[in-house]
């Protein structure tokens, strides 16, 4: 019919196995086309990137894909918010702003005054920045963060697991090992889960590292 650009949608809820089967069926269908047509086709996948099947994607001759997953993970997961240059995921350290009414509402049940909450918030931020400068220990920093962050009412994050995820982030000092513009310009703030500005910059960092990682797939 003359189309040179074709896109496949509806893949997001499907398993890796199902997507591979679709790609294999696509490959078989393309074998029926003249090479003059195949050579001109640009095939795009809507909304999906799956690292485990990237080799299959390339073998199927897929030209491009789009995915917001790495961007959105910057704020949607409790333990996988920051993609390190080592290929591992790290938890961003939560210090939500008391200037946000939603944060204050979540802190109401703590019974702590707003004045004291602001003080704890400032202490947590200062501790993180001082740790980044080499002036605070991990233990001191985690205690300052915990005193504020664990006052928040959450359904599933009040646990030692979250604290250990924070420890892993700090021990790795992973922001120092990344050369992207985000990490180079704001340092540890790329790992602080706070307002939209920081969170979306972290999302941009994740997307940049995703883009860079595509070069390693064979």
N, C-alpha and C. Protein backbone atom coordinates (compact mmCIF):
# COMPACT_ATOMS: atom_id res chain seq x y z
N UNK A 1 0.82 -1.22 0.00
CA UNK A 1 0.00 0.00 0.00
C UNK A 1 0.85 1.26 0.00
N UNK A 2 2.17 1.12 0.08
CA UNK A 2 3.04 2.28 0.00
C UNK A 2 3.51 2.84 1.33
N UNK A 3 3.06 2.27 2.44
CA UNK A 3 3.52 2.76 3.75
C UNK A 3 4.98 2.37 3.98
N UNK A 4 5.75 3.31 4.45
CA UNK A 4 7.15 3.02 4.76
C UNK A 4 7.41 3.03 6.27
N UNK A 5 6.51 3.63 7.03
CA UNK A 5 6.63 3.66 8.49
C UNK A 5 5.45 2.92 9.11
N UNK A 6 5.75 1.90 9.91
CA UNK A 6 4.72 1.08 10.55
C UNK A 6 5.02 0.98 12.04
N UNK A 7 4.00 1.14 12.87
CA UNK A 7 4.19 1.05 14.32
C UNK A 7 3.27 -0.01 14.91
N UNK A 8 3.78 -0.71 15.92
CA UNK A 8 3.01 -1.73 16.62
C UNK A 8 2.71 -1.25 18.03
N UNK A 9 1.42 -1.27 18.41
CA UNK A 9 1.01 -0.86 19.76
C UNK A 9 0.42 -2.02 20.53
N UNK A 10 -0.06 -1.71 21.75
CA UNK A 10 -0.69 -2.74 22.58
C UNK A 10 0.28 -3.73 23.18
N UNK A 11 1.58 -3.40 23.20
CA UNK A 11 2.58 -4.34 23.68
C UNK A 11 2.89 -4.20 25.17
N UNK A 12 2.58 -3.05 25.75
CA UNK A 12 3.00 -2.76 27.13
C UNK A 12 2.56 -3.84 28.13
N UNK A 13 1.30 -4.29 28.10
CA UNK A 13 0.89 -5.29 29.10
C UNK A 13 1.35 -6.71 28.79
N UNK A 14 1.97 -6.92 27.65
CA UNK A 14 2.34 -8.28 27.25
C UNK A 14 3.68 -8.70 27.87
N UNK A 15 3.85 -9.98 28.05
CA UNK A 15 5.08 -10.53 28.61
C UNK A 15 6.20 -10.50 27.58
N UNK A 16 7.43 -10.66 28.05
CA UNK A 16 8.57 -10.73 27.13
C UNK A 16 8.35 -11.86 26.12
N UNK A 17 7.87 -12.99 26.60
CA UNK A 17 7.66 -14.16 25.73
C UNK A 17 6.68 -13.84 24.62
N UNK A 18 5.59 -13.16 24.96
CA UNK A 18 4.58 -12.81 23.96
C UNK A 18 5.15 -11.85 22.93
N UNK A 19 5.93 -10.87 23.40
CA UNK A 19 6.52 -9.89 22.47
C UNK A 19 7.48 -10.58 21.52
N UNK A 20 8.28 -11.51 22.04
CA UNK A 20 9.20 -12.26 21.17
C UNK A 20 8.42 -13.03 20.12
N UNK A 21 7.31 -13.64 20.50
CA UNK A 21 6.49 -14.37 19.54
C UNK A 21 5.95 -13.45 18.45
N UNK A 22 5.56 -12.25 18.83
CA UNK A 22 5.07 -11.26 17.86
C UNK A 22 6.20 -10.86 16.91
N UNK A 23 7.38 -10.66 17.47
CA UNK A 23 8.53 -10.28 16.64
C UNK A 23 8.88 -11.40 15.66
N UNK A 24 8.78 -12.63 16.13
CA UNK A 24 9.08 -13.76 15.24
C UNK A 24 8.05 -13.86 14.11
N UNK A 25 6.78 -13.61 14.45
CA UNK A 25 5.74 -13.62 13.41
C UNK A 25 5.97 -12.48 12.42
N UNK A 26 6.40 -11.35 12.92
CA UNK A 26 6.70 -10.20 12.06
C UNK A 26 7.84 -10.55 11.09
N UNK A 27 8.87 -11.21 11.63
CA UNK A 27 10.01 -11.60 10.79
C UNK A 27 9.56 -12.53 9.67
N UNK A 28 8.69 -13.48 10.00
CA UNK A 28 8.19 -14.41 8.98
C UNK A 28 7.37 -13.67 7.93
N UNK A 29 6.56 -12.71 8.37
CA UNK A 29 5.73 -11.95 7.42
C UNK A 29 6.61 -11.12 6.48
N UNK A 30 7.69 -10.58 7.01
CA UNK A 30 8.56 -9.74 6.16
C UNK A 30 9.28 -10.56 5.10
N UNK A 31 9.44 -11.84 5.36
CA UNK A 31 10.11 -12.69 4.37
C UNK A 31 9.29 -12.81 3.09
N UNK A 32 7.99 -12.51 3.20
CA UNK A 32 7.10 -12.60 2.04
C UNK A 32 7.16 -11.34 1.18
N UNK A 33 7.82 -10.29 1.73
CA UNK A 33 7.89 -9.02 1.00
C UNK A 33 9.14 -8.95 0.13
N UNK A 34 9.07 -8.26 -0.99
CA UNK A 34 10.27 -8.05 -1.81
C UNK A 34 11.31 -7.27 -1.02
N UNK A 35 12.57 -7.55 -1.23
CA UNK A 35 13.64 -6.87 -0.50
C UNK A 35 13.60 -5.36 -0.73
N UNK A 36 13.15 -4.93 -1.91
CA UNK A 36 13.07 -3.49 -2.20
C UNK A 36 12.12 -2.78 -1.25
N UNK A 37 11.08 -3.48 -0.80
CA UNK A 37 10.13 -2.91 0.16
C UNK A 37 10.68 -3.02 1.57
N UNK A 38 11.23 -4.20 1.91
CA UNK A 38 11.78 -4.42 3.25
C UNK A 38 12.86 -3.41 3.59
N UNK A 39 13.68 -3.07 2.61
CA UNK A 39 14.79 -2.15 2.85
C UNK A 39 14.31 -0.75 3.18
N UNK A 40 13.09 -0.42 2.78
CA UNK A 40 12.56 0.93 3.02
C UNK A 40 11.73 1.02 4.30
N UNK A 41 11.38 -0.13 4.89
CA UNK A 41 10.49 -0.11 6.05
C UNK A 41 11.16 0.42 7.31
N UNK A 42 10.44 1.27 8.02
CA UNK A 42 10.86 1.72 9.36
C UNK A 42 9.77 1.21 10.31
N UNK A 43 10.16 0.31 11.23
CA UNK A 43 9.18 -0.29 12.13
C UNK A 43 9.44 0.18 13.56
N UNK A 44 8.39 0.66 14.20
CA UNK A 44 8.49 1.26 15.54
C UNK A 44 7.63 0.46 16.52
N UNK A 45 8.10 0.34 17.76
CA UNK A 45 7.32 -0.30 18.82
C UNK A 45 6.86 0.78 19.80
N UNK A 46 5.56 0.84 20.07
CA UNK A 46 5.02 1.85 20.98
C UNK A 46 5.19 1.42 22.44
N UNK A 47 5.84 2.27 23.22
CA UNK A 47 5.81 2.17 24.68
C UNK A 47 6.50 1.00 25.32
N UNK A 48 7.46 0.36 24.63
CA UNK A 48 8.09 -0.78 25.28
C UNK A 48 9.58 -0.86 24.99
N UNK A 49 10.32 -1.03 26.08
CA UNK A 49 11.74 -1.39 26.01
C UNK A 49 11.97 -2.49 27.04
N UNK A 50 12.45 -3.63 26.60
CA UNK A 50 12.70 -4.76 27.49
C UNK A 50 14.15 -5.20 27.31
N UNK A 51 15.00 -4.91 28.29
CA UNK A 51 16.43 -5.24 28.14
C UNK A 51 16.70 -6.70 27.81
N UNK A 52 15.91 -7.62 28.39
CA UNK A 52 16.19 -9.04 28.21
C UNK A 52 15.94 -9.53 26.79
N UNK A 53 15.13 -8.82 26.03
CA UNK A 53 14.82 -9.29 24.67
C UNK A 53 15.31 -8.31 23.60
N UNK A 54 16.22 -7.40 24.00
CA UNK A 54 16.68 -6.40 23.04
C UNK A 54 17.37 -7.03 21.84
N UNK A 55 18.06 -8.14 22.06
CA UNK A 55 18.72 -8.82 20.94
C UNK A 55 17.68 -9.30 19.93
N UNK A 56 16.54 -9.81 20.43
CA UNK A 56 15.46 -10.26 19.54
C UNK A 56 14.86 -9.09 18.77
N UNK A 57 14.77 -7.96 19.44
CA UNK A 57 14.23 -6.75 18.79
C UNK A 57 15.11 -6.36 17.61
N UNK A 58 16.40 -6.41 17.83
CA UNK A 58 17.32 -6.04 16.75
C UNK A 58 17.28 -7.05 15.61
N UNK A 59 17.21 -8.32 15.98
CA UNK A 59 17.17 -9.35 14.93
C UNK A 59 15.92 -9.21 14.06
N UNK A 60 14.84 -8.71 14.65
CA UNK A 60 13.59 -8.54 13.90
C UNK A 60 13.62 -7.30 13.02
N UNK A 61 14.70 -6.54 13.09
CA UNK A 61 14.82 -5.36 12.23
C UNK A 61 14.00 -4.17 12.70
N UNK A 62 13.72 -4.10 14.01
CA UNK A 62 12.98 -2.96 14.55
C UNK A 62 13.86 -1.71 14.49
N UNK A 63 13.30 -0.63 13.97
CA UNK A 63 14.09 0.59 13.77
C UNK A 63 14.11 1.48 15.01
N UNK A 64 13.01 1.50 15.78
CA UNK A 64 12.93 2.41 16.92
C UNK A 64 11.85 1.96 17.90
N UNK A 65 11.90 2.53 19.10
CA UNK A 65 10.88 2.27 20.11
C UNK A 65 10.78 3.52 20.97
N UNK A 66 9.73 3.61 21.75
CA UNK A 66 9.65 4.68 22.75
C UNK A 66 9.25 4.05 24.07
N UNK A 67 9.71 4.63 25.16
CA UNK A 67 9.38 4.12 26.48
C UNK A 67 9.60 5.21 27.51
N UNK A 68 8.62 5.38 28.40
CA UNK A 68 8.75 6.35 29.49
C UNK A 68 9.13 5.66 30.79
N UNK A 69 9.35 4.36 30.76
CA UNK A 69 9.57 3.60 31.98
C UNK A 69 10.76 4.11 32.78
N UNK A 70 11.88 4.32 32.14
CA UNK A 70 13.09 4.73 32.87
C UNK A 70 12.93 6.15 33.42
N UNK A 71 12.18 6.97 32.71
CA UNK A 71 11.94 8.33 33.19
C UNK A 71 11.04 8.30 34.43
N UNK A 72 9.97 7.52 34.36
CA UNK A 72 8.97 7.49 35.44
C UNK A 72 9.47 6.75 36.67
N UNK A 73 10.42 5.82 36.49
CA UNK A 73 10.95 5.10 37.65
C UNK A 73 11.66 6.05 38.61
N UNK A 74 12.00 7.24 38.14
CA UNK A 74 12.67 8.22 38.99
C UNK A 74 11.85 8.54 40.23
N UNK A 75 10.53 8.39 40.14
CA UNK A 75 9.70 8.71 41.30
C UNK A 75 8.65 7.65 41.61
N UNK A 76 8.52 6.60 40.82
CA UNK A 76 7.46 5.62 41.05
C UNK A 76 7.88 4.42 41.88
N UNK A 77 9.15 4.18 42.05
CA UNK A 77 9.61 3.02 42.82
C UNK A 77 10.29 3.48 44.09
N UNK A 78 10.22 2.66 45.13
CA UNK A 78 10.86 3.04 46.39
C UNK A 78 12.33 2.68 46.41
N UNK A 79 12.74 1.70 45.59
CA UNK A 79 14.13 1.24 45.66
C UNK A 79 14.84 1.25 44.31
N UNK A 80 14.17 1.69 43.25
CA UNK A 80 14.80 1.72 41.92
C UNK A 80 14.49 3.04 41.23
N UNK A 81 15.10 4.09 41.69
CA UNK A 81 14.81 5.42 41.15
C UNK A 81 15.94 5.98 40.29
N UNK A 82 17.15 5.49 40.51
CA UNK A 82 18.33 6.06 39.85
C UNK A 82 19.13 4.93 39.21
N UNK A 83 19.31 5.01 37.90
CA UNK A 83 20.11 4.02 37.18
C UNK A 83 21.57 4.45 37.22
N UNK A 84 22.39 3.63 37.86
CA UNK A 84 23.81 3.97 37.97
C UNK A 84 24.57 3.63 36.71
N UNK A 85 25.72 4.26 36.51
CA UNK A 85 26.56 3.93 35.35
C UNK A 85 27.08 2.50 35.40
N UNK A 86 26.92 1.84 36.56
CA UNK A 86 27.30 0.43 36.68
C UNK A 86 26.18 -0.50 36.23
N UNK A 87 25.05 0.09 35.77
CA UNK A 87 23.92 -0.71 35.30
C UNK A 87 22.98 -1.16 36.39
N UNK A 88 23.24 -0.78 37.64
CA UNK A 88 22.39 -1.17 38.77
C UNK A 88 21.46 -0.02 39.15
N UNK A 89 20.32 -0.38 39.75
CA UNK A 89 19.36 0.61 40.21
C UNK A 89 19.58 0.95 41.68
N UNK A 90 19.40 2.23 42.01
CA UNK A 90 19.58 2.71 43.37
C UNK A 90 18.34 3.47 43.84
N UNK A 91 18.13 3.43 45.15
CA UNK A 91 17.00 4.17 45.73
C UNK A 91 17.37 5.64 45.89
N UNK A 92 16.46 6.51 45.50
CA UNK A 92 16.62 7.94 45.81
C UNK A 92 16.22 8.13 47.27
N UNK A 93 16.88 9.07 47.94
CA UNK A 93 16.66 9.28 49.38
C UNK A 93 15.59 10.34 49.57
N UNK A 94 14.52 9.98 50.24
CA UNK A 94 13.33 10.82 50.31
C UNK A 94 13.43 11.90 51.39
N UNK A 95 13.36 13.13 50.93
CA UNK A 95 13.26 14.27 51.84
C UNK A 95 12.20 15.21 51.27
N UNK A 96 10.93 14.83 51.36
CA UNK A 96 9.86 15.63 50.73
C UNK A 96 9.75 17.01 51.37
N UNK A 97 9.44 18.04 50.58
CA UNK A 97 9.42 19.42 51.09
C UNK A 97 8.20 19.73 51.95
N UNK A 98 8.43 20.38 53.07
CA UNK A 98 7.31 20.80 53.92
C UNK A 98 6.56 21.97 53.30
N UNK A 99 7.08 22.53 52.23
CA UNK A 99 6.36 23.60 51.51
C UNK A 99 5.21 23.05 50.68
N UNK A 100 5.18 21.72 50.51
CA UNK A 100 4.13 21.07 49.75
C UNK A 100 3.00 20.67 50.70
N UNK A 101 1.78 21.19 50.52
CA UNK A 101 0.66 20.85 51.41
C UNK A 101 0.40 19.35 51.50
N UNK A 102 0.69 18.62 50.42
CA UNK A 102 0.46 17.17 50.46
C UNK A 102 1.42 16.50 51.43
N UNK A 103 2.65 17.00 51.48
CA UNK A 103 3.62 16.46 52.44
C UNK A 103 3.18 16.74 53.86
N UNK A 104 2.74 17.97 54.12
CA UNK A 104 2.29 18.35 55.46
C UNK A 104 1.12 17.47 55.89
N UNK A 105 0.22 17.20 54.97
CA UNK A 105 -0.94 16.36 55.28
C UNK A 105 -0.50 14.96 55.67
N UNK A 106 0.49 14.46 54.99
CA UNK A 106 0.99 13.11 55.29
C UNK A 106 1.76 13.07 56.61
N UNK A 107 2.22 14.24 57.06
CA UNK A 107 2.98 14.31 58.31
C UNK A 107 2.10 14.61 59.52
N UNK A 108 0.83 14.91 59.27
CA UNK A 108 -0.06 15.32 60.35
C UNK A 108 -0.16 14.28 61.45
N UNK A 109 -0.20 13.02 61.07
CA UNK A 109 -0.38 11.95 62.06
C UNK A 109 0.84 11.76 62.95
N UNK A 110 1.97 12.38 62.62
CA UNK A 110 3.17 12.19 63.43
C UNK A 110 3.08 12.89 64.78
N UNK A 111 2.20 13.91 64.87
CA UNK A 111 2.08 14.65 66.12
C UNK A 111 3.20 15.64 66.35
N UNK A 112 4.06 15.84 65.38
CA UNK A 112 5.18 16.77 65.48
C UNK A 112 4.77 18.11 64.89
N UNK A 113 5.16 19.19 65.54
CA UNK A 113 4.78 20.52 65.07
C UNK A 113 5.44 20.82 63.73
N UNK A 114 4.81 21.72 62.97
CA UNK A 114 5.37 22.09 61.66
C UNK A 114 6.75 22.72 61.83
N UNK A 115 6.94 23.49 62.88
CA UNK A 115 8.25 24.11 63.12
C UNK A 115 9.33 23.05 63.31
N UNK A 116 9.01 22.02 64.07
CA UNK A 116 9.97 20.94 64.29
C UNK A 116 10.19 20.13 63.01
N UNK A 117 9.12 19.94 62.22
CA UNK A 117 9.25 19.22 60.96
C UNK A 117 10.19 19.94 60.00
N UNK A 118 10.07 21.24 59.94
CA UNK A 118 10.95 22.03 59.07
C UNK A 118 12.40 21.90 59.52
N UNK A 119 12.59 21.84 60.83
CA UNK A 119 13.95 21.68 61.36
C UNK A 119 14.52 20.33 60.98
N UNK A 120 13.70 19.27 61.12
CA UNK A 120 14.15 17.93 60.76
C UNK A 120 14.43 17.82 59.26
N UNK A 121 13.60 18.48 58.47
CA UNK A 121 13.80 18.49 57.02
C UNK A 121 15.15 19.14 56.68
N UNK A 122 15.41 20.27 57.29
CA UNK A 122 16.67 20.99 57.04
C UNK A 122 17.86 20.15 57.49
N UNK A 123 17.72 19.49 58.64
CA UNK A 123 18.81 18.65 59.14
C UNK A 123 19.12 17.51 58.18
N UNK A 124 18.06 16.91 57.60
CA UNK A 124 18.26 15.81 56.66
C UNK A 124 18.99 16.28 55.41
N UNK A 125 18.56 17.40 54.87
CA UNK A 125 19.21 17.94 53.67
C UNK A 125 20.66 18.32 53.94
N UNK A 126 20.88 18.97 55.08
CA UNK A 126 22.25 19.37 55.43
C UNK A 126 23.14 18.15 55.59
N UNK A 127 22.61 17.11 56.24
CA UNK A 127 23.40 15.90 56.46
C UNK A 127 23.80 15.27 55.13
N UNK A 128 22.87 15.23 54.17
CA UNK A 128 23.18 14.64 52.87
C UNK A 128 24.24 15.43 52.12
N UNK A 129 24.12 16.75 52.16
CA UNK A 129 25.11 17.58 51.47
C UNK A 129 26.47 17.51 52.16
N UNK A 130 26.46 17.45 53.50
CA UNK A 130 27.73 17.33 54.22
C UNK A 130 28.37 15.97 53.97
N UNK A 131 27.53 14.93 53.85
CA UNK A 131 28.07 13.61 53.53
C UNK A 131 28.72 13.64 52.15
N UNK A 132 28.06 14.27 51.19
CA UNK A 132 28.61 14.35 49.83
C UNK A 132 29.95 15.06 49.83
N UNK A 133 30.12 16.03 50.74
CA UNK A 133 31.38 16.78 50.84
C UNK A 133 32.42 16.05 51.68
N UNK A 134 32.04 14.90 52.23
CA UNK A 134 32.99 14.13 53.02
C UNK A 134 33.07 14.54 54.48
N UNK A 135 32.06 15.29 54.95
CA UNK A 135 32.11 15.82 56.32
C UNK A 135 31.17 15.11 57.29
N UNK A 136 30.44 14.09 56.84
CA UNK A 136 29.56 13.34 57.72
C UNK A 136 29.68 11.85 57.41
N UNK A 137 29.48 11.03 58.45
CA UNK A 137 29.51 9.58 58.27
C UNK A 137 28.17 9.09 57.71
N UNK A 138 28.16 7.87 57.21
CA UNK A 138 26.91 7.29 56.72
C UNK A 138 25.90 7.16 57.85
N UNK A 139 26.37 6.70 59.01
CA UNK A 139 25.47 6.51 60.14
C UNK A 139 24.78 7.80 60.55
N UNK A 140 25.56 8.87 60.67
CA UNK A 140 25.00 10.18 61.04
C UNK A 140 23.97 10.62 60.01
N UNK A 141 24.32 10.48 58.75
CA UNK A 141 23.45 10.93 57.67
C UNK A 141 22.14 10.15 57.64
N UNK A 142 22.24 8.83 57.78
CA UNK A 142 21.03 8.01 57.77
C UNK A 142 20.12 8.32 58.95
N UNK A 143 20.69 8.61 60.10
CA UNK A 143 19.87 8.96 61.26
C UNK A 143 19.11 10.26 61.02
N UNK A 144 19.78 11.24 60.43
CA UNK A 144 19.14 12.51 60.14
C UNK A 144 18.00 12.34 59.13
N UNK A 145 18.23 11.52 58.12
CA UNK A 145 17.19 11.25 57.12
C UNK A 145 16.03 10.49 57.75
N UNK A 146 16.36 9.49 58.54
CA UNK A 146 15.35 8.65 59.15
C UNK A 146 14.44 9.43 60.10
N UNK A 147 15.02 10.36 60.86
CA UNK A 147 14.23 11.14 61.81
C UNK A 147 13.12 11.92 61.13
N UNK A 148 13.37 12.33 59.90
CA UNK A 148 12.35 13.09 59.16
C UNK A 148 11.52 12.19 58.27
N UNK A 149 12.18 11.41 57.45
CA UNK A 149 11.48 10.63 56.43
C UNK A 149 10.51 9.61 57.02
N UNK A 150 10.88 8.99 58.12
CA UNK A 150 10.05 7.92 58.66
C UNK A 150 8.84 8.44 59.44
N UNK A 151 8.69 9.78 59.52
CA UNK A 151 7.47 10.35 60.09
C UNK A 151 6.33 10.33 59.08
N UNK A 152 6.67 10.15 57.82
CA UNK A 152 5.66 10.14 56.76
C UNK A 152 4.79 8.91 56.86
N UNK A 153 3.52 9.12 56.61
CA UNK A 153 2.57 8.01 56.62
C UNK A 153 2.61 7.32 55.27
N UNK A 154 3.14 6.09 55.23
CA UNK A 154 3.19 5.31 54.00
C UNK A 154 2.64 3.93 54.26
N UNK A 155 2.21 3.30 53.20
CA UNK A 155 1.60 1.97 53.36
C UNK A 155 2.63 0.87 53.47
N UNK A 156 3.80 1.03 52.81
CA UNK A 156 4.70 -0.12 52.75
C UNK A 156 6.18 0.20 52.90
N UNK A 157 6.53 1.47 53.10
CA UNK A 157 7.94 1.82 53.08
C UNK A 157 8.56 2.01 54.46
N UNK A 158 7.77 1.90 55.53
CA UNK A 158 8.32 1.99 56.87
C UNK A 158 9.04 0.69 57.20
N UNK A 159 10.23 0.53 56.77
CA UNK A 159 10.91 -0.74 56.98
C UNK A 159 12.42 -0.55 56.95
N UNK A 160 13.09 -1.55 57.50
CA UNK A 160 14.54 -1.55 57.46
C UNK A 160 15.04 -1.72 56.03
N UNK A 161 14.21 -2.30 55.17
CA UNK A 161 14.62 -2.49 53.77
C UNK A 161 14.90 -1.16 53.10
N UNK A 162 14.05 -0.16 53.38
CA UNK A 162 14.24 1.15 52.77
C UNK A 162 15.51 1.79 53.30
N UNK A 163 15.75 1.65 54.59
CA UNK A 163 16.97 2.21 55.18
C UNK A 163 18.21 1.57 54.58
N UNK A 164 18.16 0.26 54.35
CA UNK A 164 19.30 -0.42 53.73
C UNK A 164 19.49 0.02 52.29
N UNK A 165 18.37 0.32 51.61
CA UNK A 165 18.48 0.82 50.23
C UNK A 165 19.16 2.18 50.23
N UNK A 166 18.82 3.02 51.22
CA UNK A 166 19.48 4.32 51.35
C UNK A 166 20.98 4.14 51.61
N UNK A 167 21.29 3.17 52.47
CA UNK A 167 22.70 2.92 52.81
C UNK A 167 23.49 2.52 51.55
N UNK A 168 22.89 1.66 50.74
CA UNK A 168 23.55 1.24 49.50
C UNK A 168 23.83 2.44 48.59
N UNK A 169 22.87 3.36 48.51
CA UNK A 169 23.04 4.55 47.69
C UNK A 169 24.21 5.39 48.18
N UNK A 170 24.25 5.61 49.49
CA UNK A 170 25.31 6.45 50.05
C UNK A 170 26.67 5.77 49.97
N UNK A 171 26.72 4.50 50.28
CA UNK A 171 28.00 3.78 50.24
C UNK A 171 28.59 3.78 48.84
N UNK A 172 27.72 3.64 47.84
CA UNK A 172 28.21 3.60 46.47
C UNK A 172 28.69 4.93 45.94
N UNK A 173 28.20 6.05 46.56
CA UNK A 173 28.53 7.40 46.06
C UNK A 173 28.43 7.41 44.53
N UNK A 174 27.36 6.81 44.04
CA UNK A 174 27.24 6.53 42.62
C UNK A 174 27.14 7.79 41.77
N UNK A 175 26.63 8.89 42.34
CA UNK A 175 26.50 10.14 41.59
C UNK A 175 27.86 10.68 41.16
N UNK A 176 28.91 10.31 41.91
CA UNK A 176 30.25 10.78 41.58
C UNK A 176 30.84 10.02 40.39
N UNK A 177 30.23 8.89 40.04
CA UNK A 177 30.76 8.04 38.98
C UNK A 177 30.05 8.26 37.65
N UNK A 178 29.10 9.21 37.64
CA UNK A 178 28.34 9.47 36.42
C UNK A 178 28.78 10.81 35.82
N UNK A 179 28.98 10.83 34.53
CA UNK A 179 29.45 12.04 33.86
C UNK A 179 28.34 12.78 33.12
N UNK A 180 27.06 12.36 33.30
CA UNK A 180 25.99 13.07 32.61
C UNK A 180 25.85 14.48 33.16
N UNK A 181 25.18 15.35 32.43
CA UNK A 181 25.07 16.75 32.83
C UNK A 181 24.32 16.93 34.14
N UNK A 182 23.33 16.06 34.39
CA UNK A 182 22.55 16.16 35.62
C UNK A 182 23.44 15.93 36.83
N UNK A 183 24.15 14.82 36.85
CA UNK A 183 24.99 14.48 37.99
C UNK A 183 26.17 15.43 38.12
N UNK A 184 26.71 15.86 36.98
CA UNK A 184 27.84 16.78 37.03
C UNK A 184 27.44 18.13 37.60
N UNK A 185 26.18 18.53 37.41
CA UNK A 185 25.77 19.87 37.84
C UNK A 185 25.17 19.90 39.24
N UNK A 186 24.46 18.81 39.66
CA UNK A 186 23.79 18.88 40.97
C UNK A 186 24.25 17.80 41.94
N UNK A 187 25.14 16.92 41.52
CA UNK A 187 25.72 15.96 42.44
C UNK A 187 24.71 15.11 43.18
N UNK A 188 24.84 15.05 44.50
CA UNK A 188 23.97 14.18 45.31
C UNK A 188 22.50 14.57 45.21
N UNK A 189 22.21 15.80 44.82
CA UNK A 189 20.81 16.21 44.69
C UNK A 189 20.07 15.39 43.63
N UNK A 190 20.81 14.78 42.72
CA UNK A 190 20.17 13.89 41.75
C UNK A 190 19.59 12.65 42.44
N UNK A 191 20.11 12.35 43.64
CA UNK A 191 19.66 11.18 44.39
C UNK A 191 18.69 11.54 45.51
N UNK A 192 18.29 12.80 45.62
CA UNK A 192 17.35 13.20 46.66
C UNK A 192 15.95 13.25 46.08
N UNK A 193 15.08 12.41 46.62
CA UNK A 193 13.69 12.32 46.18
C UNK A 193 12.94 13.46 46.86
N UNK A 194 12.57 14.47 46.07
CA UNK A 194 12.03 15.67 46.70
C UNK A 194 10.93 16.29 45.84
N UNK A 195 11.25 17.36 45.10
CA UNK A 195 10.24 18.02 44.27
C UNK A 195 10.35 17.59 42.83
N UNK A 196 9.47 18.13 41.99
CA UNK A 196 9.44 17.77 40.58
C UNK A 196 10.77 18.07 39.88
N UNK A 197 11.41 19.16 40.28
CA UNK A 197 12.65 19.55 39.61
C UNK A 197 13.70 18.44 39.73
N UNK A 198 13.97 18.03 40.96
CA UNK A 198 14.97 16.97 41.16
C UNK A 198 14.52 15.66 40.53
N UNK A 199 13.26 15.31 40.77
CA UNK A 199 12.79 14.01 40.30
C UNK A 199 12.83 13.89 38.79
N UNK A 200 12.47 14.96 38.09
CA UNK A 200 12.48 14.89 36.62
C UNK A 200 13.90 14.97 36.07
N UNK A 201 14.78 15.66 36.78
CA UNK A 201 16.18 15.62 36.34
C UNK A 201 16.73 14.20 36.47
N UNK A 202 16.35 13.53 37.56
CA UNK A 202 16.78 12.14 37.73
C UNK A 202 16.19 11.28 36.61
N UNK A 203 14.96 11.55 36.22
CA UNK A 203 14.36 10.84 35.10
C UNK A 203 15.12 11.08 33.81
N UNK A 204 15.57 12.32 33.60
CA UNK A 204 16.37 12.63 32.41
C UNK A 204 17.70 11.88 32.45
N UNK A 205 18.29 11.81 33.63
CA UNK A 205 19.53 11.04 33.80
C UNK A 205 19.30 9.58 33.42
N UNK A 206 18.21 8.98 33.95
CA UNK A 206 17.91 7.57 33.65
C UNK A 206 17.75 7.35 32.15
N UNK A 207 17.05 8.27 31.50
CA UNK A 207 16.80 8.14 30.06
C UNK A 207 18.10 8.25 29.27
N UNK A 208 18.99 9.15 29.70
CA UNK A 208 20.29 9.30 29.04
C UNK A 208 21.10 8.02 29.15
N UNK A 209 21.09 7.41 30.34
CA UNK A 209 21.85 6.18 30.52
C UNK A 209 21.23 5.02 29.74
N UNK A 210 19.90 5.02 29.62
CA UNK A 210 19.24 4.02 28.79
C UNK A 210 19.72 4.16 27.34
N UNK A 211 19.72 5.39 26.86
CA UNK A 211 20.17 5.66 25.48
C UNK A 211 21.61 5.17 25.28
N UNK A 212 22.47 5.49 26.26
CA UNK A 212 23.87 5.08 26.15
C UNK A 212 24.00 3.55 26.16
N UNK A 213 23.16 2.89 26.96
CA UNK A 213 23.28 1.43 27.11
C UNK A 213 22.90 0.68 25.84
N UNK A 214 22.10 1.30 24.98
CA UNK A 214 21.66 0.62 23.75
C UNK A 214 22.84 0.28 22.86
N UNK A 215 23.92 1.02 22.99
CA UNK A 215 25.10 0.76 22.16
C UNK A 215 25.78 -0.54 22.52
N UNK A 216 25.48 -1.07 23.73
CA UNK A 216 26.17 -2.28 24.18
C UNK A 216 25.45 -3.55 23.73
N UNK A 217 24.20 -3.42 23.23
CA UNK A 217 23.47 -4.61 22.83
C UNK A 217 23.95 -5.09 21.46
N UNK A 218 24.10 -6.40 21.35
CA UNK A 218 24.58 -7.00 20.10
C UNK A 218 23.41 -7.61 19.33
